[in-house]
Each structure stands twice: as C-alpha cells, then as structure tokens.
C-alpha cells in the first residue's frame, strides 16, 4: 500500500474540507506516518475515516477530529505539550516544534507507539491517565474522550495553558477547549465528536438512597 499517497488523500479529503486551514498543521499531517501508530494488522485502515485500533482496546482518534483539536490549541514552536492517550497527536505536535511528552496507561500501547515517538523526540511515560506526568504545560491534548471535566489535567497546565479534549457522557460528545487563567478556567465548545471514552477517565457509579 502506498501510505504516502494515502496521507495526501487523507489531508485533502478529511482535513482541509473540515476547516483545518493551518498550513503548518497540514504539512505535519502530510508527514507523520499514521500507520505506525496502530495495530500493524490494521495499518491498511490508518487513513480511513475510522477509529483504527492501536492495542489493548485503544483506538486512534479520526484524523479530522484530532487535527481540529490541535488547530484549536493554537500551538507555537517551543511550547511544552502533554499528549494523554494521544500518540498520533504527540507526533504531530513534535513536528510542529513543540517539546512533547506522551503518556499512556497501558504497556501494550506504549510498546507499539513508543519507537516512532522516540524517533521524533517525544518523551514517553507509562502511568495512570488520572495522574498527569509533570506540570506547567502550555498545551494538553487527548485522543480519547472523558466523561466529566478532567480537573487533574487542568491542574497540570500553566496559567495561559490550553486543554483540548472531547467530553462525552452518552452516544454523542463535544470537543471543548479549556484555557487556564489566573482567576479560573474558561471553556469553549468546538464541534461534535464521539471517540471512545477512556475507561480511567470515567467516574465510578455512585448510589444514593
């Protein structure tokens, strides 16, 4: 399969047509080998409009959705980024000139995505997603959805930092952008999206009498 040709088709038919106008981001998406961040047996579907499997039940976010999340972050070279359950986004951010840490909770996922991430200078960490590695990040992004506001992730941002994530409590979800200020956190809804919810980021059910 000609993956380079498939990347071009992906950018032309899934990214540009969905209002992703940042040319630097388009170039990064045209460069990053998305097929290396999924199960090798599913590499043929890496550039389709599907959430292709990585490992251990994890899936990549669709390219059009992850590209819109990254564009909303308005990233700049030299910024620090934390990619939580977001290996493809981590590689794209590294190509955009950011200093990136990619955190995964499952060793099976990290074993697969670790080598291509290390090749582009991304630091990798295996730790529970409920406990972000490090603090004072400029940007945080996730390719998985969360069921509720991820306060632990927001706490890992510096003042002025941005978090892009999908919040989903049912069949549909909304991508949102959080911006951390000195007096609190602002929230702006971006677009509809429904990637799988990260199990670790789903609160345990509670019962009341």
C-alpha atoms as a PDB file:
ATOM      1  CA  UNK A   1       0.000   0.000   0.000  1.00  0.00           C
ATOM      2  CA  UNK A   2       1.243   3.487  -0.854  1.00  0.00           C
ATOM      3  CA  UNK A   3       0.942   5.173   2.548  1.00  0.00           C
ATOM      4  CA  UNK A   4       2.338   8.496   1.303  1.00  0.00           C
ATOM      5  CA  UNK A   5      -0.445   8.709  -1.273  1.00  0.00           C
ATOM      6  CA  UNK A   6      -2.992   7.712   1.366  1.00  0.00           C
ATOM      7  CA  UNK A   7      -1.761  10.512   3.641  1.00  0.00           C
ATOM      8  CA  UNK A   8      -2.242  13.063   0.873  1.00  0.00           C
ATOM      9  CA  UNK A   9      -5.774  11.840   0.230  1.00  0.00           C
ATOM     10  CA  UNK A  10      -6.500  11.980   3.968  1.00  0.00           C
ATOM     11  CA  UNK A  11      -5.352  15.602   4.241  1.00  0.00           C
ATOM     12  CA  UNK A  12      -7.216  16.628   1.087  1.00  0.00           C
ATOM     13  CA  UNK A  13     -10.486  14.796   1.787  1.00  0.00           C
ATOM     14  CA  UNK A  14     -10.746  14.738   5.595  1.00  0.00           C
ATOM     15  CA  UNK A  15      -8.687  17.626   6.957  1.00  0.00           C
ATOM     16  CA  UNK A  16      -8.787  20.609   4.598  1.00  0.00           C
ATOM     17  CA  UNK A  17     -12.506  20.219   3.917  1.00  0.00           C
ATOM     18  CA  UNK A  18     -13.228  20.343   7.662  1.00  0.00           C
ATOM     19  CA  UNK A  19     -11.911  23.884   8.152  1.00  0.00           C
ATOM     20  CA  UNK A  20      -8.385  22.921   9.170  1.00  0.00           C
ATOM     21  CA  UNK A  21      -6.666  25.813   7.427  1.00  0.00           C
ATOM     22  CA  UNK A  22      -3.331  25.969   9.288  1.00  0.00           C
ATOM     23  CA  UNK A  23      -0.746  25.153   6.618  1.00  0.00           C
ATOM     24  CA  UNK A  24       1.917  24.110   9.097  1.00  0.00           C
ATOM     25  CA  UNK A  25      -0.520  21.636  10.628  1.00  0.00           C
ATOM     26  CA  UNK A  26      -1.499  20.352   7.194  1.00  0.00           C
ATOM     27  CA  UNK A  27       2.188  19.793   6.399  1.00  0.00           C
ATOM     28  CA  UNK A  28       2.721  17.894   9.656  1.00  0.00           C
ATOM     29  CA  UNK A  29      -0.280  15.682   8.958  1.00  0.00           C
ATOM     30  CA  UNK A  30       1.130  15.015   5.488  1.00  0.00           C
ATOM     31  CA  UNK A  31       4.414  13.899   7.069  1.00  0.00           C
ATOM     32  CA  UNK A  32       3.570  11.862  10.175  1.00  0.00           C
ATOM     33  CA  UNK A  33       3.191   8.145   9.326  1.00  0.00           C
ATOM     34  CA  UNK A  34      -0.179   7.458  10.932  1.00  0.00           C
ATOM     35  CA  UNK A  35       0.104   3.773  10.036  1.00  0.00           C
ATOM     36  CA  UNK A  36       2.888   3.356  12.616  1.00  0.00           C
ATOM     37  CA  UNK A  37       0.549   4.277  15.461  1.00  0.00           C
ATOM     38  CA  UNK A  38      -1.941   1.452  15.020  1.00  0.00           C
ATOM     39  CA  UNK A  39      -2.030  -2.328  15.089  1.00  0.00           C
ATOM     40  CA  UNK A  40       0.156  -3.436  12.138  1.00  0.00           C
ATOM     41  CA  UNK A  41      -2.642  -5.769  11.056  1.00  0.00           C
ATOM     42  CA  UNK A  42      -4.889  -2.705  10.718  1.00  0.00           C
ATOM     43  CA  UNK A  43      -2.365  -0.404   9.035  1.00  0.00           C
ATOM     44  CA  UNK A  44      -4.343  -0.552   5.781  1.00  0.00           C
ATOM     45  CA  UNK A  45      -7.163   1.366   7.503  1.00  0.00           C
ATOM     46  CA  UNK A  46      -4.956   4.022   9.149  1.00  0.00           C
ATOM     47  CA  UNK A  47      -6.062   6.714   6.693  1.00  0.00           C
ATOM     48  CA  UNK A  48      -9.738   5.828   6.533  1.00  0.00           C
ATOM     49  CA  UNK A  49     -12.459   7.724   8.368  1.00  0.00           C
ATOM     50  CA  UNK A  50     -12.425   5.229  11.226  1.00  0.00           C
ATOM     51  CA  UNK A  51     -11.051   4.989  14.757  1.00  0.00           C
ATOM     52  CA  UNK A  52      -8.440   2.356  13.998  1.00  0.00           C
ATOM     53  CA  UNK A  53      -7.265   0.054  16.795  1.00  0.00           C
ATOM     54  CA  UNK A  54      -3.866   0.555  18.420  1.00  0.00           C
ATOM     55  CA  UNK A  55      -3.716  -2.163  21.121  1.00  0.00           C
ATOM     56  CA  UNK A  56      -5.430  -3.198  24.366  1.00  0.00           C
ATOM     57  CA  UNK A  57      -8.758  -1.783  23.199  1.00  0.00           C
ATOM     58  CA  UNK A  58      -7.368   1.693  22.493  1.00  0.00           C
ATOM     59  CA  UNK A  59      -8.111   3.430  19.212  1.00  0.00           C
ATOM     60  CA  UNK A  60      -6.725   6.396  17.302  1.00  0.00           C
ATOM     61  CA  UNK A  61      -8.993   9.402  17.001  1.00  0.00           C
ATOM     62  CA  UNK A  62     -10.153  10.116  13.461  1.00  0.00           C
ATOM     63  CA  UNK A  63      -7.735  12.394  11.613  1.00  0.00           C
ATOM     64  CA  UNK A  64     -10.259  15.166  11.001  1.00  0.00           C
ATOM     65  CA  UNK A  65     -11.105  15.347  14.698  1.00  0.00           C
ATOM     66  CA  UNK A  66      -7.555  15.287  16.053  1.00  0.00           C
ATOM     67  CA  UNK A  67      -6.486  17.911  13.503  1.00  0.00           C
ATOM     68  CA  UNK A  68      -9.324  20.218  14.596  1.00  0.00           C
ATOM     69  CA  UNK A  69      -8.365  19.755  18.247  1.00  0.00           C
ATOM     70  CA  UNK A  70      -4.746  20.658  17.511  1.00  0.00           C
ATOM     71  CA  UNK A  71      -5.728  23.683  15.440  1.00  0.00           C
ATOM     72  CA  UNK A  72      -7.920  24.924  18.297  1.00  0.00           C
ATOM     73  CA  UNK A  73      -4.910  24.774  20.643  1.00  0.00           C
ATOM     74  CA  UNK A  74      -3.141  27.439  18.529  1.00  0.00           C
ATOM     75  CA  UNK A  75       0.254  25.912  19.333  1.00  0.00           C
ATOM     76  CA  UNK A  76       3.595  27.632  18.903  1.00  0.00           C
ATOM     77  CA  UNK A  77       7.103  26.184  18.442  1.00  0.00           C
ATOM     78  CA  UNK A  78       8.962  25.833  21.703  1.00  0.00           C
ATOM     79  CA  UNK A  79       5.860  25.251  23.821  1.00  0.00           C
ATOM     80  CA  UNK A  80       5.564  22.216  26.083  1.00  0.00           C
ATOM     81  CA  UNK A  81       2.820  19.672  25.450  1.00  0.00           C
ATOM     82  CA  UNK A  82       1.384  16.639  27.199  1.00  0.00           C
ATOM     83  CA  UNK A  83      -0.388  14.117  24.970  1.00  0.00           C
ATOM     84  CA  UNK A  84      -2.585  11.878  27.126  1.00  0.00           C
ATOM     85  CA  UNK A  85      -3.637   8.714  25.297  1.00  0.00           C
ATOM     86  CA  UNK A  86      -2.803  10.643  22.130  1.00  0.00           C
ATOM     87  CA  UNK A  87       0.220   9.131  20.352  1.00  0.00           C
ATOM     88  CA  UNK A  88      -0.610  10.394  16.872  1.00  0.00           C
ATOM     89  CA  UNK A  89      -1.294  13.889  18.183  1.00  0.00           C
ATOM     90  CA  UNK A  90       2.008  13.739  20.056  1.00  0.00           C
ATOM     91  CA  UNK A  91       3.932  13.054  16.847  1.00  0.00           C
ATOM     92  CA  UNK A  92       2.110  15.850  15.008  1.00  0.00           C
ATOM     93  CA  UNK A  93       2.876  18.313  17.811  1.00  0.00           C
ATOM     94  CA  UNK A  94       6.539  17.302  17.743  1.00  0.00           C
ATOM     95  CA  UNK A  95       6.644  18.026  14.006  1.00  0.00           C
ATOM     96  CA  UNK A  96       5.200  21.456  14.789  1.00  0.00           C
ATOM     97  CA  UNK A  97       8.194  22.203  17.010  1.00  0.00           C
ATOM     98  CA  UNK A  98       6.797  21.551  20.483  1.00  0.00           C
ATOM     99  CA  UNK A  99       8.542  19.698  23.306  1.00  0.00           C
ATOM    100  CA  UNK A 100       6.174  16.771  23.817  1.00  0.00           C
ATOM    101  CA  UNK A 101       5.584  14.149  26.498  1.00  0.00           C
ATOM    102  CA  UNK A 102       3.285  11.264  25.541  1.00  0.00           C
ATOM    103  CA  UNK A 103       1.627   9.454  28.439  1.00  0.00           C
ATOM    104  CA  UNK A 104      -0.031   6.066  28.113  1.00  0.00           C
ATOM    105  CA  UNK A 105      -1.575   3.854  30.783  1.00  0.00           C
ATOM    106  CA  UNK A 106      -1.115   0.512  29.001  1.00  0.00           C
ATOM    107  CA  UNK A 107       2.282  -1.024  28.290  1.00  0.00           C
ATOM    108  CA  UNK A 108       0.835  -2.782  25.228  1.00  0.00           C
ATOM    109  CA  UNK A 109       0.018   0.595  23.696  1.00  0.00           C
ATOM    110  CA  UNK A 110       3.345   2.149  24.648  1.00  0.00           C
ATOM    111  CA  UNK A 111       5.284  -0.826  23.274  1.00  0.00           C
ATOM    112  CA  UNK A 112       3.728  -0.164  19.859  1.00  0.00           C
ATOM    113  CA  UNK A 113       3.768   3.640  19.728  1.00  0.00           C
ATOM    114  CA  UNK A 114       6.943   4.236  21.727  1.00  0.00           C
ATOM    115  CA  UNK A 115       9.530   3.624  18.969  1.00  0.00           C
ATOM    116  CA  UNK A 116       8.030   6.010  16.363  1.00  0.00           C
ATOM    117  CA  UNK A 117       7.503   8.638  19.064  1.00  0.00           C
ATOM    118  CA  UNK A 118      11.082   8.406  20.283  1.00  0.00           C
ATOM    119  CA  UNK A 119      12.277   8.812  16.679  1.00  0.00           C
ATOM    120  CA  UNK A 120      10.731  12.298  16.593  1.00  0.00           C
ATOM    121  CA  UNK A 121      11.988  13.273  20.036  1.00  0.00           C
ATOM    122  CA  UNK A 122       8.848  12.653  22.075  1.00  0.00           C
ATOM    123  CA  UNK A 123       9.405  11.591  25.670  1.00  0.00           C
ATOM    124  CA  UNK A 124       7.189   8.659  26.674  1.00  0.00           C
ATOM    125  CA  UNK A 125       5.730   7.796  30.077  1.00  0.00           C
ATOM    126  CA  UNK A 126       3.637   4.855  31.253  1.00  0.00           C
ATOM    127  CA  UNK A 127       1.411   5.969  34.135  1.00  0.00           C
ATOM    128  CA  UNK A 128      -2.299   6.178  35.009  1.00  0.00           C
ATOM    129  CA  UNK A 129      -4.064   8.830  32.969  1.00  0.00           C
ATOM    130  CA  UNK A 130      -5.670  10.173  36.128  1.00  0.00           C
ATOM    131  CA  UNK A 131      -2.214  11.376  37.229  1.00  0.00           C
ATOM    132  CA  UNK A 132      -0.602  13.531  34.521  1.00  0.00           C
ATOM    133  CA  UNK A 133       3.182  13.338  34.357  1.00  0.00           C
ATOM    134  CA  UNK A 134       4.672  16.754  35.075  1.00  0.00           C
ATOM    135  CA  UNK A 135       3.166  20.204  35.472  1.00  0.00           C
ATOM    136  CA  UNK A 136       3.090  23.664  33.927  1.00  0.00           C
ATOM    137  CA  UNK A 137       2.348  22.527  30.372  1.00  0.00           C
ATOM    138  CA  UNK A 138       1.411  25.006  27.670  1.00  0.00           C
ATOM    139  CA  UNK A 139      -0.952  22.534  25.996  1.00  0.00           C
ATOM    140  CA  UNK A 140      -2.585  19.199  26.771  1.00  0.00           C
ATOM    141  CA  UNK A 141      -4.490  17.069  24.283  1.00  0.00           C
ATOM    142  CA  UNK A 142      -6.198  13.679  24.337  1.00  0.00           C
ATOM    143  CA  UNK A 143      -7.448  11.461  21.531  1.00  0.00           C
ATOM    144  CA  UNK A 144      -9.816   9.694  23.920  1.00  0.00           C
ATOM    145  CA  UNK A 145     -12.988  11.170  25.358  1.00  0.00           C
ATOM    146  CA  UNK A 146     -13.622  11.892  29.018  1.00  0.00           C
ATOM    147  CA  UNK A 147     -16.936  11.550  30.820  1.00  0.00           C
ATOM    148  CA  UNK A 148     -16.521  14.616  33.026  1.00  0.00           C
ATOM    149  CA  UNK A 149     -14.343  17.710  33.285  1.00  0.00           C
ATOM    150  CA  UNK A 150     -10.764  16.448  33.765  1.00  0.00           C
ATOM    151  CA  UNK A 151      -9.687  18.621  36.692  1.00  0.00           C
ATOM    152  CA  UNK A 152      -6.422  16.726  37.225  1.00  0.00           C
ATOM    153  CA  UNK A 153      -5.443  17.526  33.631  1.00  0.00           C
ATOM    154  CA  UNK A 154      -6.349  21.187  34.047  1.00  0.00           C
ATOM    155  CA  UNK A 155      -4.179  21.352  37.164  1.00  0.00           C
ATOM    156  CA  UNK A 156      -1.185  20.295  35.036  1.00  0.00           C
ATOM    157  CA  UNK A 157      -1.494  23.425  32.854  1.00  0.00           C
ATOM    158  CA  UNK A 158       0.394  26.656  33.446  1.00  0.00           C
ATOM    159  CA  UNK A 159      -1.505  29.933  33.501  1.00  0.00           C
ATOM    160  CA  UNK A 160      -2.413  30.611  29.877  1.00  0.00           C
ATOM    161  CA  UNK A 161      -2.273  26.890  29.082  1.00  0.00           C
ATOM    162  CA  UNK A 162      -4.868  25.175  26.895  1.00  0.00           C
ATOM    163  CA  UNK A 163      -6.517  21.748  27.008  1.00  0.00           C
ATOM    164  CA  UNK A 164      -8.367  20.232  24.031  1.00  0.00           C
ATOM    165  CA  UNK A 165     -10.460  17.142  24.681  1.00  0.00           C
ATOM    166  CA  UNK A 166     -13.812  15.552  23.867  1.00  0.00           C
ATOM    167  CA  UNK A 167     -16.357  15.376  26.680  1.00  0.00           C
ATOM    168  CA  UNK A 168     -18.828  12.560  26.213  1.00  0.00           C
ATOM    169  CA  UNK A 169     -21.423  11.195  28.640  1.00  0.00           C
ATOM    170  CA  UNK A 170     -23.639   9.401  26.132  1.00  0.00           C
ATOM    171  CA  UNK A 171     -23.733   8.445  22.446  1.00  0.00           C
ATOM    172  CA  UNK A 172     -22.643  11.929  21.381  1.00  0.00           C
ATOM    173  CA  UNK A 173     -19.876  14.206  22.607  1.00  0.00           C
ATOM    174  CA  UNK A 174     -18.486  17.700  22.178  1.00  0.00           C
ATOM    175  CA  UNK A 175     -14.896  18.714  21.652  1.00  0.00           C
ATOM    176  CA  UNK A 176     -14.040  21.514  24.057  1.00  0.00           C
ATOM    177  CA  UNK A 177     -11.175  23.925  24.621  1.00  0.00           C
ATOM    178  CA  UNK A 178     -10.229  24.925  28.156  1.00  0.00           C
ATOM    179  CA  UNK A 179      -7.974  27.922  28.830  1.00  0.00           C
ATOM    180  CA  UNK A 180      -6.455  28.336  32.283  1.00  0.00           C
ATOM    181  CA  UNK A 181      -6.388  31.868  33.640  1.00  0.00           C
ATOM    182  CA  UNK A 182      -5.170  33.356  36.885  1.00  0.00           C
ATOM    183  CA  UNK A 183      -8.700  33.510  38.268  1.00  0.00           C
ATOM    184  CA  UNK A 184     -10.063  30.253  36.889  1.00  0.00           C
ATOM    185  CA  UNK A 185     -10.671  28.215  33.737  1.00  0.00           C
ATOM    186  CA  UNK A 186     -12.723  29.138  30.676  1.00  0.00           C
ATOM    187  CA  UNK A 187     -14.456  26.549  28.494  1.00  0.00           C
ATOM    188  CA  UNK A 188     -15.475  26.798  24.836  1.00  0.00           C
ATOM    189  CA  UNK A 189     -17.311  24.152  22.822  1.00  0.00           C
ATOM    190  CA  UNK A 190     -15.799  23.401  19.416  1.00  0.00           C
ATOM    191  CA  UNK A 191     -17.522  20.629  17.424  1.00  0.00           C
ATOM    192  CA  UNK A 192     -19.378  17.318  17.699  1.00  0.00           C
ATOM    193  CA  UNK A 193     -17.233  14.195  18.132  1.00  0.00           C
ATOM    194  CA  UNK A 194     -17.678  10.762  19.679  1.00  0.00           C
ATOM    195  CA  UNK A 195     -14.377   8.924  20.168  1.00  0.00           C
ATOM    196  CA  UNK A 196     -14.349   6.086  22.723  1.00  0.00           C
ATOM    197  CA  UNK A 197     -14.365   7.229  26.343  1.00  0.00           C
ATOM    198  CA  UNK A 198     -11.189   6.456  28.272  1.00  0.00           C
ATOM    199  CA  UNK A 199     -12.107   3.952  30.980  1.00  0.00           C
ATOM    200  CA  UNK A 200      -9.804   5.601  33.521  1.00  0.00           C
ATOM    201  CA  UNK A 201     -11.499   8.945  32.978  1.00  0.00           C
ATOM    202  CA  UNK A 202     -14.982   7.632  33.753  1.00  0.00           C
ATOM    203  CA  UNK A 203     -16.124   8.151  37.349  1.00  0.00           C
ATOM    204  CA  UNK A 204     -17.240   5.104  39.267  1.00  0.00           C
ATOM    205  CA  UNK A 205     -21.033   4.824  39.564  1.00  0.00           C
ATOM    206  CA  UNK A 206     -22.467   6.119  42.814  1.00  0.00           C
ATOM    207  CA  UNK A 207     -25.643   5.081  44.556  1.00  0.00           C
ATOM    208  CA  UNK A 208     -27.893   7.140  46.761  1.00  0.00           C
ATOM    209  CA  UNK A 209     -30.771   6.059  48.961  1.00  0.00           C
END
